[in-house]
């Protein structure tokens, strides 16, 4: 999704996204909740792969 926001110099609109640190427990809870959707959309269970494995083998890349 892409939002196009017209801007002009000095409009005082702050579009800087805040940085939020999540604990490992919170991150794991999020992964547990989104894993079924990822498996349905991409045919891969993210709980079976580390991020490095996915990046190295390009598991999620569709041809």
PDB file of N, CA and C in Angstrom:
ATOM      1  N   UNK A   1       0.853  -1.159   0.000  1.00  0.00           N
ATOM      2  CA  UNK A   1       0.000   0.000   0.000  1.00  0.00           C
ATOM      3  C   UNK A   1       0.906   1.232   0.000  1.00  0.00           C
ATOM      4  N   UNK A   2       0.532   2.205  -0.748  1.00  0.00           N
ATOM      5  CA  UNK A   2       1.308   3.428  -0.851  1.00  0.00           C
ATOM      6  C   UNK A   2       0.383   4.613  -0.648  1.00  0.00           C
ATOM      7  N   UNK A   3       0.762   5.483   0.266  1.00  0.00           N
ATOM      8  CA  UNK A   3       0.003   6.713   0.487  1.00  0.00           C
ATOM      9  C   UNK A   3       0.830   7.867  -0.058  1.00  0.00           C
ATOM     10  N   UNK A   4       0.223   8.696  -0.856  1.00  0.00           N
ATOM     11  CA  UNK A   4       0.902   9.875  -1.380  1.00  0.00           C
ATOM     12  C   UNK A   4       0.337  11.082  -0.654  1.00  0.00           C
ATOM     13  N   UNK A   5       1.235  11.791   0.027  1.00  0.00           N
ATOM     14  CA  UNK A   5       0.825  12.948   0.816  1.00  0.00           C
ATOM     15  C   UNK A   5       1.465  14.186   0.198  1.00  0.00           C
ATOM     16  N   UNK A   6       0.648  15.107  -0.308  1.00  0.00           N
ATOM     17  CA  UNK A   6       1.226  16.330  -0.867  1.00  0.00           C
ATOM     18  C   UNK A   6       1.942  17.116   0.231  1.00  0.00           C
ATOM     19  N   UNK A   7       3.140  17.588  -0.079  1.00  0.00           N
ATOM     20  CA  UNK A   7       3.941  18.309   0.908  1.00  0.00           C
ATOM     21  C   UNK A   7       4.344  19.663   0.351  1.00  0.00           C
ATOM     22  N   UNK A   8       4.584  20.581   1.250  1.00  0.00           N
ATOM     23  CA  UNK A   8       5.200  21.843   0.878  1.00  0.00           C
ATOM     24  C   UNK A   8       6.171  22.231   1.976  1.00  0.00           C
ATOM     25  N   UNK A   9       7.174  22.969   1.615  1.00  0.00           N
ATOM     26  CA  UNK A   9       8.227  23.323   2.549  1.00  0.00           C
ATOM     27  C   UNK A   9       7.649  24.081   3.740  1.00  0.00           C
ATOM     28  N   UNK A  10       8.054  23.653   4.949  1.00  0.00           N
ATOM     29  CA  UNK A  10       7.605  24.317   6.168  1.00  0.00           C
ATOM     30  C   UNK A  10       6.207  23.920   6.610  1.00  0.00           C
ATOM     31  N   UNK A  11       5.678  22.780   6.148  1.00  0.00           N
ATOM     32  CA  UNK A  11       4.312  22.391   6.520  1.00  0.00           C
ATOM     33  C   UNK A  11       4.223  21.772   7.922  1.00  0.00           C
ATOM     34  N   UNK A  12       5.372  21.553   8.562  1.00  0.00           N
ATOM     35  CA  UNK A  12       5.438  21.046   9.940  1.00  0.00           C
ATOM     36  C   UNK A  12       4.744  19.694  10.126  1.00  0.00           C
ATOM     37  N   UNK A  13       4.723  18.879   9.092  1.00  0.00           N
ATOM     38  CA  UNK A  13       4.183  17.526   9.209  1.00  0.00           C
ATOM     39  C   UNK A  13       5.357  16.579   9.447  1.00  0.00           C
ATOM     40  N   UNK A  14       5.332  15.886  10.578  1.00  0.00           N
ATOM     41  CA  UNK A  14       6.398  14.963  10.932  1.00  0.00           C
ATOM     42  C   UNK A  14       6.032  13.567  10.440  1.00  0.00           C
ATOM     43  N   UNK A  15       6.814  13.040   9.516  1.00  0.00           N
ATOM     44  CA  UNK A  15       6.562  11.704   8.994  1.00  0.00           C
ATOM     45  C   UNK A  15       7.633  10.709   9.435  1.00  0.00           C
ATOM     46  N   UNK A  16       8.342  11.020  10.502  1.00  0.00           N
ATOM     47  CA  UNK A  16       9.345  10.109  11.032  1.00  0.00           C
ATOM     48  C   UNK A  16       8.650   9.037  11.864  1.00  0.00           C
ATOM     49  N   UNK A  17       8.879   7.771  11.508  1.00  0.00           N
ATOM     50  CA  UNK A  17       8.275   6.682  12.255  1.00  0.00           C
ATOM     51  C   UNK A  17       9.047   6.454  13.549  1.00  0.00           C
ATOM     52  N   UNK A  18       8.336   6.236  14.648  1.00  0.00           N
ATOM     53  CA  UNK A  18       9.025   6.000  15.917  1.00  0.00           C
ATOM     54  C   UNK A  18       9.692   4.624  15.921  1.00  0.00           C
ATOM     55  N   UNK A  19      10.809   4.528  16.625  1.00  0.00           N
ATOM     56  CA  UNK A  19      11.500   3.258  16.784  1.00  0.00           C
ATOM     57  C   UNK A  19      10.990   2.598  18.053  1.00  0.00           C
ATOM     58  N   UNK A  20      10.551   1.365  17.919  1.00  0.00           N
ATOM     59  CA  UNK A  20      10.016   0.643  19.070  1.00  0.00           C
ATOM     60  C   UNK A  20      10.813  -0.641  19.237  1.00  0.00           C
ATOM     61  N   UNK A  21      11.266  -0.904  20.453  1.00  0.00           N
ATOM     62  CA  UNK A  21      11.986  -2.136  20.760  1.00  0.00           C
ATOM     63  C   UNK A  21      11.010  -3.127  21.370  1.00  0.00           C
ATOM     64  N   UNK A  22      10.968  -4.333  20.825  1.00  0.00           N
ATOM     65  CA  UNK A  22      10.116  -5.381  21.362  1.00  0.00           C
ATOM     66  C   UNK A  22      10.970  -6.401  22.091  1.00  0.00           C
ATOM     67  N   UNK A  23      10.422  -6.938  23.164  1.00  0.00           N
ATOM     68  CA  UNK A  23      11.120  -8.010  23.863  1.00  0.00           C
ATOM     69  C   UNK A  23      11.036  -9.276  23.017  1.00  0.00           C
ATOM     70  N   UNK A  24      11.899 -10.237  23.307  1.00  0.00           N
ATOM     71  CA  UNK A  24      11.850 -11.500  22.571  1.00  0.00           C
ATOM     72  C   UNK A  24      10.515 -12.193  22.784  1.00  0.00           C
ATOM     73  N   UNK A  25       9.962 -12.093  23.980  1.00  0.00           N
ATOM     74  CA  UNK A  25       8.665 -12.717  24.266  1.00  0.00           C
ATOM     75  C   UNK A  25       7.565 -12.087  23.409  1.00  0.00           C
ATOM     76  N   UNK A  26       7.567 -10.757  23.303  1.00  0.00           N
ATOM     77  CA  UNK A  26       6.570 -10.073  22.471  1.00  0.00           C
ATOM     78  C   UNK A  26       6.744 -10.434  20.998  1.00  0.00           C
ATOM     79  N   UNK A  27       7.998 -10.483  20.546  1.00  0.00           N
ATOM     80  CA  UNK A  27       8.269 -10.824  19.151  1.00  0.00           C
ATOM     81  C   UNK A  27       7.809 -12.253  18.855  1.00  0.00           C
ATOM     82  N   UNK A  28       8.084 -13.167  19.771  1.00  0.00           N
ATOM     83  CA  UNK A  28       7.645 -14.553  19.576  1.00  0.00           C
ATOM     84  C   UNK A  28       6.127 -14.654  19.547  1.00  0.00           C
ATOM     85  N   UNK A  29       5.445 -13.877  20.374  1.00  0.00           N
ATOM     86  CA  UNK A  29       3.979 -13.886  20.381  1.00  0.00           C
ATOM     87  C   UNK A  29       3.437 -13.399  19.037  1.00  0.00           C
ATOM     88  N   UNK A  30       4.064 -12.383  18.472  1.00  0.00           N
ATOM     89  CA  UNK A  30       3.641 -11.860  17.167  1.00  0.00           C
ATOM     90  C   UNK A  30       3.856 -12.911  16.083  1.00  0.00           C
ATOM     91  N   UNK A  31       5.019 -13.547  16.095  1.00  0.00           N
ATOM     92  CA  UNK A  31       5.315 -14.576  15.093  1.00  0.00           C
ATOM     93  C   UNK A  31       4.306 -15.711  15.181  1.00  0.00           C
ATOM     94  N   UNK A  32       3.958 -16.119  16.391  1.00  0.00           N
ATOM     95  CA  UNK A  32       2.983 -17.197  16.569  1.00  0.00           C
ATOM     96  C   UNK A  32       1.633 -16.823  15.959  1.00  0.00           C
ATOM     97  N   UNK A  33       1.260 -15.552  16.069  1.00  0.00           N
ATOM     98  CA  UNK A  33      -0.040 -15.117  15.550  1.00  0.00           C
ATOM     99  C   UNK A  33      -0.062 -14.981  14.029  1.00  0.00           C
ATOM    100  N   UNK A  34       1.041 -14.537  13.437  1.00  0.00           N
ATOM    101  CA  UNK A  34       1.036 -14.322  11.985  1.00  0.00           C
ATOM    102  C   UNK A  34       1.494 -15.543  11.188  1.00  0.00           C
ATOM    103  N   UNK A  35       2.074 -16.532  11.856  1.00  0.00           N
ATOM    104  CA  UNK A  35       2.589 -17.718  11.164  1.00  0.00           C
ATOM    105  C   UNK A  35       1.535 -18.422  10.307  1.00  0.00           C
ATOM    106  N   UNK A  36       0.297 -18.628  10.797  1.00  0.00           N
ATOM    107  CA  UNK A  36      -0.692 -19.299   9.947  1.00  0.00           C
ATOM    108  C   UNK A  36      -0.977 -18.543   8.642  1.00  0.00           C
ATOM    109  N   UNK A  37      -1.025 -17.221   8.695  1.00  0.00           N
ATOM    110  CA  UNK A  37      -1.260 -16.425   7.488  1.00  0.00           C
ATOM    111  C   UNK A  37      -0.101 -16.516   6.512  1.00  0.00           C
ATOM    112  N   UNK A  38       1.119 -16.512   7.034  1.00  0.00           N
ATOM    113  CA  UNK A  38       2.295 -16.642   6.170  1.00  0.00           C
ATOM    114  C   UNK A  38       2.296 -18.012   5.501  1.00  0.00           C
ATOM    115  N   UNK A  39       1.970 -19.039   6.286  1.00  0.00           N
ATOM    116  CA  UNK A  39       1.932 -20.390   5.712  1.00  0.00           C
ATOM    117  C   UNK A  39       0.871 -20.483   4.616  1.00  0.00           C
ATOM    118  N   UNK A  40      -0.280 -19.869   4.847  1.00  0.00           N
ATOM    119  CA  UNK A  40      -1.362 -19.908   3.862  1.00  0.00           C
ATOM    120  C   UNK A  40      -0.972 -19.158   2.580  1.00  0.00           C
ATOM    121  N   UNK A  41      -0.374 -17.973   2.718  1.00  0.00           N
ATOM    122  CA  UNK A  41      -0.046 -17.135   1.562  1.00  0.00           C
ATOM    123  C   UNK A  41       1.164 -17.628   0.776  1.00  0.00           C
ATOM    124  N   UNK A  42       2.194 -18.114   1.516  1.00  0.00           N
ATOM    125  CA  UNK A  42       3.459 -18.444   0.864  1.00  0.00           C
ATOM    126  C   UNK A  42       3.791 -19.933   0.862  1.00  0.00           C
ATOM    127  N   UNK A  43       2.997 -20.734   1.589  1.00  0.00           N
ATOM    128  CA  UNK A  43       3.260 -22.167   1.645  1.00  0.00           C
ATOM    129  C   UNK A  43       4.470 -22.538   2.469  1.00  0.00           C
ATOM    130  N   UNK A  44       4.895 -21.644   3.349  1.00  0.00           N
ATOM    131  CA  UNK A  44       6.068 -21.869   4.189  1.00  0.00           C
ATOM    132  C   UNK A  44       5.684 -21.591   5.632  1.00  0.00           C
ATOM    133  N   UNK A  45       6.063 -22.487   6.514  1.00  0.00           N
ATOM    134  CA  UNK A  45       5.827 -22.258   7.935  1.00  0.00           C
ATOM    135  C   UNK A  45       7.033 -21.513   8.497  1.00  0.00           C
ATOM    136  N   UNK A  46       6.884 -20.242   8.854  1.00  0.00           N
ATOM    137  CA  UNK A  46       8.029 -19.462   9.320  1.00  0.00           C
ATOM    138  C   UNK A  46       8.623 -19.994  10.619  1.00  0.00           C
ATOM    139  N   UNK A  47       7.873 -20.792  11.346  1.00  0.00           N
ATOM    140  CA  UNK A  47       8.391 -21.340  12.594  1.00  0.00           C
ATOM    141  C   UNK A  47       9.447 -22.415  12.334  1.00  0.00           C
ATOM    142  N   UNK A  48       9.527 -22.905  11.100  1.00  0.00           N
ATOM    143  CA  UNK A  48      10.505 -23.929  10.745  1.00  0.00           C
ATOM    144  C   UNK A  48      11.805 -23.343  10.192  1.00  0.00           C
ATOM    145  N   UNK A  49      11.853 -22.041   9.964  1.00  0.00           N
ATOM    146  CA  UNK A  49      13.009 -21.416   9.345  1.00  0.00           C
ATOM    147  C   UNK A  49      13.493 -20.241  10.173  1.00  0.00           C
ATOM    148  N   UNK A  50      14.794 -20.051  10.175  1.00  0.00           N
ATOM    149  CA  UNK A  50      15.337 -18.826  10.744  1.00  0.00           C
ATOM    150  C   UNK A  50      15.346 -17.769   9.644  1.00  0.00           C
ATOM    151  N   UNK A  51      15.484 -16.516  10.018  1.00  0.00           N
ATOM    152  CA  UNK A  51      15.522 -15.435   9.027  1.00  0.00           C
ATOM    153  C   UNK A  51      16.696 -15.633   8.075  1.00  0.00           C
ATOM    154  N   UNK A  52      17.833 -16.085   8.582  1.00  0.00           N
ATOM    155  CA  UNK A  52      19.006 -16.302   7.739  1.00  0.00           C
ATOM    156  C   UNK A  52      18.738 -17.413   6.729  1.00  0.00           C
ATOM    157  N   UNK A  53      18.097 -18.485   7.147  1.00  0.00           N
ATOM    158  CA  UNK A  53      17.792 -19.584   6.233  1.00  0.00           C
ATOM    159  C   UNK A  53      16.898 -19.103   5.104  1.00  0.00           C
ATOM    160  N   UNK A  54      15.884 -18.329   5.439  1.00  0.00           N
ATOM    161  CA  UNK A  54      14.960 -17.813   4.425  1.00  0.00           C
ATOM    162  C   UNK A  54      15.703 -16.908   3.451  1.00  0.00           C
ATOM    163  N   UNK A  55      16.556 -16.026   3.959  1.00  0.00           N
ATOM    164  CA  UNK A  55      17.295 -15.107   3.093  1.00  0.00           C
ATOM    165  C   UNK A  55      18.280 -15.875   2.207  1.00  0.00           C
ATOM    166  N   UNK A  56      18.987 -16.846   2.784  1.00  0.00           N
ATOM    167  CA  UNK A  56      19.993 -17.596   2.027  1.00  0.00           C
ATOM    168  C   UNK A  56      19.371 -18.454   0.933  1.00  0.00           C
ATOM    169  N   UNK A  57      18.264 -19.106   1.241  1.00  0.00           N
ATOM    170  CA  UNK A  57      17.671 -20.041   0.289  1.00  0.00           C
ATOM    171  C   UNK A  57      16.538 -19.424  -0.514  1.00  0.00           C
ATOM    172  N   UNK A  58      16.202 -18.187  -0.210  1.00  0.00           N
ATOM    173  CA  UNK A  58      15.116 -17.492  -0.894  1.00  0.00           C
ATOM    174  C   UNK A  58      13.851 -18.347  -0.890  1.00  0.00           C
ATOM    175  N   UNK A  59      13.512 -18.865   0.276  1.00  0.00           N
ATOM    176  CA  UNK A  59      12.384 -19.777   0.437  1.00  0.00           C
ATOM    177  C   UNK A  59      11.077 -19.134   0.005  1.00  0.00           C
ATOM    178  N   UNK A  60      10.901 -17.845   0.296  1.00  0.00           N
ATOM    179  CA  UNK A  60       9.624 -17.201   0.027  1.00  0.00           C
ATOM    180  C   UNK A  60       9.498 -16.662  -1.397  1.00  0.00           C
ATOM    181  N   UNK A  61      10.543 -16.751  -2.184  1.00  0.00           N
ATOM    182  CA  UNK A  61      10.505 -16.193  -3.532  1.00  0.00           C
ATOM    183  C   UNK A  61       9.671 -17.079  -4.448  1.00  0.00           C
ATOM    184  N   UNK A  62       8.675 -16.502  -5.066  1.00  0.00           N
ATOM    185  CA  UNK A  62       7.831 -17.232  -6.018  1.00  0.00           C
ATOM    186  C   UNK A  62       8.369 -17.010  -7.424  1.00  0.00           C
ATOM    187  N   UNK A  63       8.335 -18.029  -8.238  1.00  0.00           N
ATOM    188  CA  UNK A  63       8.808 -17.892  -9.623  1.00  0.00           C
ATOM    189  C   UNK A  63       7.649 -17.656 -10.550  1.00  0.00           C
TER     190      UNK A  63
END
